[in-house]
Amino acid sequence: MNRIRQPRILFGSLLVILGVVFIMRNVGFIEHVPLTRFWPVILILIGLGRLIQAENGKSRWDGLWLVLLGMWFQSVTLHFLDMTYRNSWPLLLIIWGIYLSGAALARKPHTTLAKENGNGN
């Protein structure tokens, strides 16, 4: 798929989802829920988009980082399992460490890149 179209598809999908939620609220299918409590879903959707369009391991880890970060923010915002920023910040360190380690492992060694470019012996 064309790289220029992918962000538009993601943004268009987000607009459709928001429109459906607003219509459902307006006609009474769902009760009034402050949508500001669900802002981390945007990070999760962007991360999923990056995971789907990833062309290499580093891109996959970037997408996973956004998904996990969004899940952490969402858990804190909704106080899932009584999570707050104050008591769950170590979880953010764990997520960040997983991202840094995974992204480093996903990178090709310098010698492999040199051989692929025809410069290595």
N, C-alpha and C. Protein backbone atom coordinates (compact mmCIF):
# COMPACT_ATOMS: atom_id res chain seq x y z
N MET A 1 0.84 -1.17 0.00
CA MET A 1 0.00 0.00 0.00
C MET A 1 0.89 1.24 0.00
N ASN A 2 0.48 2.27 -0.66
CA ASN A 2 1.21 3.51 -0.76
C ASN A 2 1.37 4.14 0.62
N ARG A 3 2.60 4.56 0.96
CA ARG A 3 2.86 5.13 2.28
C ARG A 3 2.10 6.43 2.50
N ILE A 4 1.79 7.17 1.44
CA ILE A 4 1.04 8.41 1.58
C ILE A 4 -0.40 8.12 1.97
N ARG A 5 -0.97 7.05 1.50
CA ARG A 5 -2.36 6.72 1.79
C ARG A 5 -2.56 6.17 3.21
N GLN A 6 -1.56 5.53 3.77
CA GLN A 6 -1.72 4.88 5.07
C GLN A 6 -2.12 5.84 6.19
N PRO A 7 -1.46 7.00 6.36
CA PRO A 7 -1.91 7.91 7.41
C PRO A 7 -3.33 8.42 7.17
N ARG A 8 -3.68 8.61 5.92
CA ARG A 8 -5.03 9.08 5.60
C ARG A 8 -6.07 8.02 5.95
N ILE A 9 -5.74 6.77 5.70
CA ILE A 9 -6.67 5.69 6.05
C ILE A 9 -6.85 5.63 7.57
N LEU A 10 -5.75 5.73 8.31
CA LEU A 10 -5.82 5.71 9.77
C LEU A 10 -6.62 6.90 10.28
N PHE A 11 -6.33 8.10 9.78
CA PHE A 11 -7.03 9.30 10.22
C PHE A 11 -8.51 9.23 9.83
N GLY A 12 -8.78 8.74 8.63
CA GLY A 12 -10.18 8.58 8.20
C GLY A 12 -10.93 7.59 9.08
N SER A 13 -10.28 6.50 9.42
CA SER A 13 -10.91 5.51 10.30
C SER A 13 -11.19 6.10 11.67
N LEU A 14 -10.26 6.90 12.18
CA LEU A 14 -10.46 7.55 13.47
C LEU A 14 -11.65 8.50 13.43
N LEU A 15 -11.79 9.25 12.34
CA LEU A 15 -12.94 10.15 12.19
C LEU A 15 -14.26 9.38 12.14
N VAL A 16 -14.27 8.25 11.44
CA VAL A 16 -15.49 7.44 11.37
C VAL A 16 -15.85 6.93 12.77
N ILE A 17 -14.87 6.44 13.51
CA ILE A 17 -15.13 5.93 14.86
C ILE A 17 -15.67 7.04 15.75
N LEU A 18 -15.04 8.22 15.70
CA LEU A 18 -15.51 9.34 16.51
C LEU A 18 -16.93 9.75 16.12
N GLY A 19 -17.21 9.78 14.83
CA GLY A 19 -18.55 10.12 14.36
C GLY A 19 -19.60 9.13 14.86
N VAL A 20 -19.28 7.85 14.80
CA VAL A 20 -20.22 6.82 15.28
C VAL A 20 -20.45 6.98 16.79
N VAL A 21 -19.40 7.25 17.54
CA VAL A 21 -19.55 7.44 18.99
C VAL A 21 -20.43 8.65 19.29
N PHE A 22 -20.20 9.76 18.58
CA PHE A 22 -21.02 10.95 18.82
C PHE A 22 -22.48 10.72 18.44
N ILE A 23 -22.73 10.04 17.34
CA ILE A 23 -24.11 9.74 16.95
C ILE A 23 -24.77 8.85 18.00
N MET A 24 -24.06 7.83 18.46
CA MET A 24 -24.62 6.93 19.48
C MET A 24 -24.93 7.69 20.77
N ARG A 25 -24.10 8.66 21.12
CA ARG A 25 -24.36 9.49 22.31
C ARG A 25 -25.58 10.38 22.09
N ASN A 26 -25.68 10.97 20.90
CA ASN A 26 -26.78 11.90 20.61
C ASN A 26 -28.14 11.23 20.56
N VAL A 27 -28.20 9.99 20.08
CA VAL A 27 -29.49 9.30 20.00
C VAL A 27 -29.78 8.45 21.23
N GLY A 28 -28.86 8.43 22.19
CA GLY A 28 -29.12 7.77 23.45
C GLY A 28 -28.73 6.30 23.54
N PHE A 29 -28.01 5.78 22.54
CA PHE A 29 -27.56 4.38 22.63
C PHE A 29 -26.51 4.19 23.71
N ILE A 30 -25.71 5.20 23.92
CA ILE A 30 -24.75 5.16 25.03
C ILE A 30 -24.96 6.40 25.87
N GLU A 31 -24.76 6.24 27.16
CA GLU A 31 -24.93 7.36 28.07
C GLU A 31 -23.75 8.31 27.94
N HIS A 32 -23.96 9.48 28.50
CA HIS A 32 -22.91 10.49 28.43
C HIS A 32 -21.65 10.00 29.14
N VAL A 33 -20.61 9.86 28.37
CA VAL A 33 -19.31 9.48 28.90
C VAL A 33 -18.34 10.56 28.44
N PRO A 34 -17.61 11.15 29.37
CA PRO A 34 -16.65 12.19 28.94
C PRO A 34 -15.57 11.57 28.04
N LEU A 35 -15.55 12.01 26.80
CA LEU A 35 -14.60 11.44 25.84
C LEU A 35 -13.15 11.80 26.17
N THR A 36 -12.97 12.80 27.03
CA THR A 36 -11.60 13.15 27.43
C THR A 36 -10.94 12.02 28.21
N ARG A 37 -11.73 11.12 28.72
CA ARG A 37 -11.16 9.97 29.45
C ARG A 37 -10.57 8.93 28.50
N PHE A 38 -10.84 9.06 27.21
CA PHE A 38 -10.40 8.05 26.25
C PHE A 38 -9.38 8.59 25.25
N TRP A 39 -8.70 9.69 25.58
CA TRP A 39 -7.71 10.23 24.67
C TRP A 39 -6.57 9.25 24.39
N PRO A 40 -6.17 8.37 25.33
CA PRO A 40 -5.07 7.45 25.01
C PRO A 40 -5.38 6.47 23.88
N VAL A 41 -6.65 6.31 23.55
CA VAL A 41 -7.01 5.42 22.44
C VAL A 41 -6.37 5.91 21.14
N ILE A 42 -6.16 7.22 21.04
CA ILE A 42 -5.50 7.78 19.85
C ILE A 42 -4.08 7.22 19.73
N LEU A 43 -3.35 7.17 20.84
CA LEU A 43 -2.00 6.58 20.81
C LEU A 43 -2.05 5.11 20.43
N ILE A 44 -3.03 4.40 20.97
CA ILE A 44 -3.17 2.97 20.67
C ILE A 44 -3.44 2.77 19.19
N LEU A 45 -4.33 3.58 18.61
CA LEU A 45 -4.65 3.45 17.18
C LEU A 45 -3.46 3.79 16.30
N ILE A 46 -2.72 4.83 16.67
CA ILE A 46 -1.52 5.18 15.89
C ILE A 46 -0.50 4.04 15.97
N GLY A 47 -0.34 3.48 17.16
CA GLY A 47 0.59 2.35 17.32
C GLY A 47 0.16 1.15 16.52
N LEU A 48 -1.14 0.84 16.51
CA LEU A 48 -1.63 -0.27 15.71
C LEU A 48 -1.40 -0.02 14.23
N GLY A 49 -1.59 1.22 13.81
CA GLY A 49 -1.32 1.57 12.42
C GLY A 49 0.13 1.34 12.06
N ARG A 50 1.03 1.72 12.95
CA ARG A 50 2.46 1.49 12.70
C ARG A 50 2.80 0.01 12.70
N LEU A 51 2.16 -0.76 13.58
CA LEU A 51 2.39 -2.20 13.58
C LEU A 51 1.95 -2.82 12.27
N ILE A 52 0.81 -2.39 11.76
CA ILE A 52 0.27 -2.95 10.52
C ILE A 52 1.15 -2.60 9.33
N GLN A 53 1.66 -1.36 9.28
CA GLN A 53 2.43 -0.94 8.11
C GLN A 53 3.93 -1.11 8.28
N ALA A 54 4.36 -1.75 9.37
CA ALA A 54 5.79 -1.90 9.65
C ALA A 54 6.49 -2.68 8.54
N GLU A 55 7.61 -2.13 8.12
CA GLU A 55 8.41 -2.78 7.10
C GLU A 55 9.65 -3.46 7.68
N ASN A 56 9.95 -3.15 8.94
CA ASN A 56 11.12 -3.76 9.56
C ASN A 56 10.86 -3.90 11.06
N GLY A 57 11.79 -4.55 11.73
CA GLY A 57 11.64 -4.81 13.16
C GLY A 57 11.57 -3.54 13.99
N LYS A 58 12.37 -2.53 13.64
CA LYS A 58 12.37 -1.27 14.39
C LYS A 58 11.00 -0.61 14.32
N SER A 59 10.39 -0.61 13.17
CA SER A 59 9.05 -0.01 13.02
C SER A 59 8.01 -0.76 13.85
N ARG A 60 8.14 -2.08 13.90
CA ARG A 60 7.22 -2.86 14.73
C ARG A 60 7.35 -2.49 16.20
N TRP A 61 8.59 -2.32 16.66
CA TRP A 61 8.81 -1.95 18.05
C TRP A 61 8.31 -0.53 18.33
N ASP A 62 8.44 0.37 17.36
CA ASP A 62 7.89 1.72 17.52
C ASP A 62 6.37 1.66 17.70
N GLY A 63 5.71 0.84 16.88
CA GLY A 63 4.27 0.68 17.00
C GLY A 63 3.88 0.05 18.31
N LEU A 64 4.62 -0.98 18.73
CA LEU A 64 4.32 -1.64 20.00
C LEU A 64 4.51 -0.68 21.16
N TRP A 65 5.53 0.16 21.10
CA TRP A 65 5.78 1.16 22.14
C TRP A 65 4.56 2.08 22.28
N LEU A 66 4.03 2.56 21.17
CA LEU A 66 2.87 3.45 21.23
C LEU A 66 1.64 2.73 21.78
N VAL A 67 1.45 1.48 21.38
CA VAL A 67 0.30 0.72 21.89
C VAL A 67 0.42 0.53 23.40
N LEU A 68 1.59 0.11 23.88
CA LEU A 68 1.78 -0.12 25.31
C LEU A 68 1.69 1.18 26.10
N LEU A 69 2.26 2.25 25.56
CA LEU A 69 2.19 3.55 26.22
C LEU A 69 0.73 4.02 26.31
N GLY A 70 -0.01 3.86 25.22
CA GLY A 70 -1.42 4.23 25.23
C GLY A 70 -2.22 3.39 26.21
N MET A 71 -1.90 2.11 26.30
CA MET A 71 -2.60 1.24 27.26
C MET A 71 -2.30 1.67 28.70
N TRP A 72 -1.06 2.07 28.96
CA TRP A 72 -0.72 2.53 30.30
C TRP A 72 -1.48 3.81 30.63
N PHE A 73 -1.46 4.79 29.71
CA PHE A 73 -2.20 6.03 29.93
C PHE A 73 -3.69 5.76 30.13
N GLN A 74 -4.25 4.85 29.32
CA GLN A 74 -5.67 4.55 29.44
C GLN A 74 -5.97 3.89 30.78
N SER A 75 -5.14 2.99 31.22
CA SER A 75 -5.33 2.33 32.50
C SER A 75 -5.30 3.33 33.65
N VAL A 76 -4.37 4.28 33.57
CA VAL A 76 -4.27 5.30 34.62
C VAL A 76 -5.47 6.24 34.56
N THR A 77 -5.86 6.64 33.36
CA THR A 77 -6.98 7.56 33.20
C THR A 77 -8.27 6.96 33.74
N LEU A 78 -8.49 5.68 33.50
CA LEU A 78 -9.71 5.01 33.97
C LEU A 78 -9.54 4.40 35.36
N HIS A 79 -8.37 4.55 35.96
CA HIS A 79 -8.05 3.98 37.28
C HIS A 79 -8.29 2.47 37.31
N PHE A 80 -7.89 1.81 36.22
CA PHE A 80 -7.98 0.35 36.14
C PHE A 80 -7.07 -0.25 37.20
N LEU A 81 -7.60 -1.17 37.99
CA LEU A 81 -6.86 -1.78 39.10
C LEU A 81 -6.28 -0.73 40.05
N ASP A 82 -7.02 0.36 40.22
CA ASP A 82 -6.61 1.48 41.10
C ASP A 82 -5.28 2.09 40.70
N MET A 83 -4.97 2.05 39.41
CA MET A 83 -3.71 2.61 38.93
C MET A 83 -3.80 4.14 38.90
N THR A 84 -2.73 4.77 39.34
CA THR A 84 -2.56 6.21 39.23
C THR A 84 -1.16 6.46 38.68
N TYR A 85 -0.89 7.70 38.30
CA TYR A 85 0.46 8.02 37.84
C TYR A 85 1.46 7.77 38.97
N ARG A 86 1.05 8.06 40.17
CA ARG A 86 1.95 7.94 41.32
C ARG A 86 2.34 6.49 41.62
N ASN A 87 1.38 5.55 41.51
CA ASN A 87 1.70 4.18 41.90
C ASN A 87 2.05 3.28 40.71
N SER A 88 1.91 3.77 39.49
CA SER A 88 2.18 2.89 38.34
C SER A 88 3.34 3.34 37.48
N TRP A 89 4.07 4.39 37.88
CA TRP A 89 5.17 4.85 37.05
C TRP A 89 6.25 3.78 36.84
N PRO A 90 6.47 2.84 37.77
CA PRO A 90 7.46 1.79 37.46
C PRO A 90 7.06 0.94 36.25
N LEU A 91 5.76 0.80 36.02
CA LEU A 91 5.30 0.07 34.84
C LEU A 91 5.73 0.79 33.56
N LEU A 92 5.75 2.10 33.60
CA LEU A 92 6.23 2.87 32.45
C LEU A 92 7.71 2.59 32.20
N LEU A 93 8.49 2.45 33.25
CA LEU A 93 9.91 2.10 33.09
C LEU A 93 10.07 0.73 32.45
N ILE A 94 9.23 -0.22 32.86
CA ILE A 94 9.28 -1.57 32.28
C ILE A 94 8.93 -1.52 30.80
N ILE A 95 7.88 -0.79 30.44
CA ILE A 95 7.47 -0.67 29.04
C ILE A 95 8.57 -0.02 28.22
N TRP A 96 9.17 1.02 28.76
CA TRP A 96 10.25 1.72 28.06
C TRP A 96 11.45 0.80 27.87
N GLY A 97 11.79 0.04 28.90
CA GLY A 97 12.89 -0.91 28.80
C GLY A 97 12.65 -1.98 27.76
N ILE A 98 11.42 -2.49 27.71
CA ILE A 98 11.06 -3.49 26.69
C ILE A 98 11.24 -2.90 25.30
N TYR A 99 10.78 -1.66 25.13
CA TYR A 99 10.90 -1.01 23.83
C TYR A 99 12.37 -0.84 23.43
N LEU A 100 13.18 -0.30 24.34
CA LEU A 100 14.58 -0.05 24.00
C LEU A 100 15.32 -1.35 23.68
N SER A 101 15.08 -2.39 24.47
CA SER A 101 15.73 -3.68 24.24
C SER A 101 15.27 -4.30 22.93
N GLY A 102 13.97 -4.30 22.71
CA GLY A 102 13.44 -4.90 21.48
C GLY A 102 13.88 -4.16 20.24
N ALA A 103 13.88 -2.82 20.30
CA ALA A 103 14.30 -2.04 19.14
C ALA A 103 15.78 -2.27 18.84
N ALA A 104 16.59 -2.40 19.89
CA ALA A 104 18.01 -2.67 19.68
C ALA A 104 18.22 -4.05 19.07
N LEU A 105 17.48 -5.03 19.52
CA LEU A 105 17.59 -6.38 18.97
C LEU A 105 17.10 -6.45 17.52
N ALA A 106 16.15 -5.60 17.18
CA ALA A 106 15.57 -5.62 15.84
C ALA A 106 16.49 -4.99 14.80
N ARG A 107 17.43 -4.15 15.25
CA ARG A 107 18.36 -3.51 14.30
C ARG A 107 19.35 -4.53 13.79
N LYS A 108 19.71 -4.37 12.53
CA LYS A 108 20.72 -5.24 11.94
C LYS A 108 22.10 -4.77 12.37
N PRO A 109 22.99 -5.70 12.63
CA PRO A 109 24.37 -5.30 12.98
C PRO A 109 25.00 -4.51 11.83
N HIS A 110 25.94 -3.65 12.17
CA HIS A 110 26.60 -2.80 11.18
C HIS A 110 27.28 -3.62 10.08
N THR A 111 27.89 -4.74 10.43
CA THR A 111 28.58 -5.56 9.42
C THR A 111 27.57 -6.17 8.44
N THR A 112 26.39 -6.52 8.93
CA THR A 112 25.37 -7.06 8.03
C THR A 112 24.92 -6.00 7.04
N LEU A 113 24.75 -4.77 7.50
CA LEU A 113 24.35 -3.69 6.61
C LEU A 113 25.43 -3.43 5.57
N ALA A 114 26.69 -3.48 5.98
CA ALA A 114 27.79 -3.23 5.06
C ALA A 114 27.83 -4.31 3.98
N LYS A 115 27.59 -5.57 4.35
CA LYS A 115 27.58 -6.66 3.38
C LYS A 115 26.41 -6.52 2.41
N GLU A 116 25.26 -6.09 2.90
CA GLU A 116 24.11 -5.92 2.03
C GLU A 116 24.34 -4.80 1.01
N ASN A 117 25.10 -3.78 1.40
CA ASN A 117 25.38 -2.68 0.51
C ASN A 117 26.56 -2.97 -0.42
N GLY A 118 27.19 -4.13 -0.22
CA GLY A 118 28.31 -4.51 -1.07
C GLY A 118 29.63 -3.93 -0.62
N ASN A 119 29.66 -3.32 0.58
CA ASN A 119 30.89 -2.68 1.06
C ASN A 119 31.66 -3.57 2.00
N GLY A 120 31.05 -4.64 2.49
CA GLY A 120 31.72 -5.48 3.49
C GLY A 120 32.41 -6.66 2.88
N ASN A 121 33.38 -7.17 3.61
CA ASN A 121 34.11 -8.37 3.15
C ASN A 121 33.84 -9.52 4.05
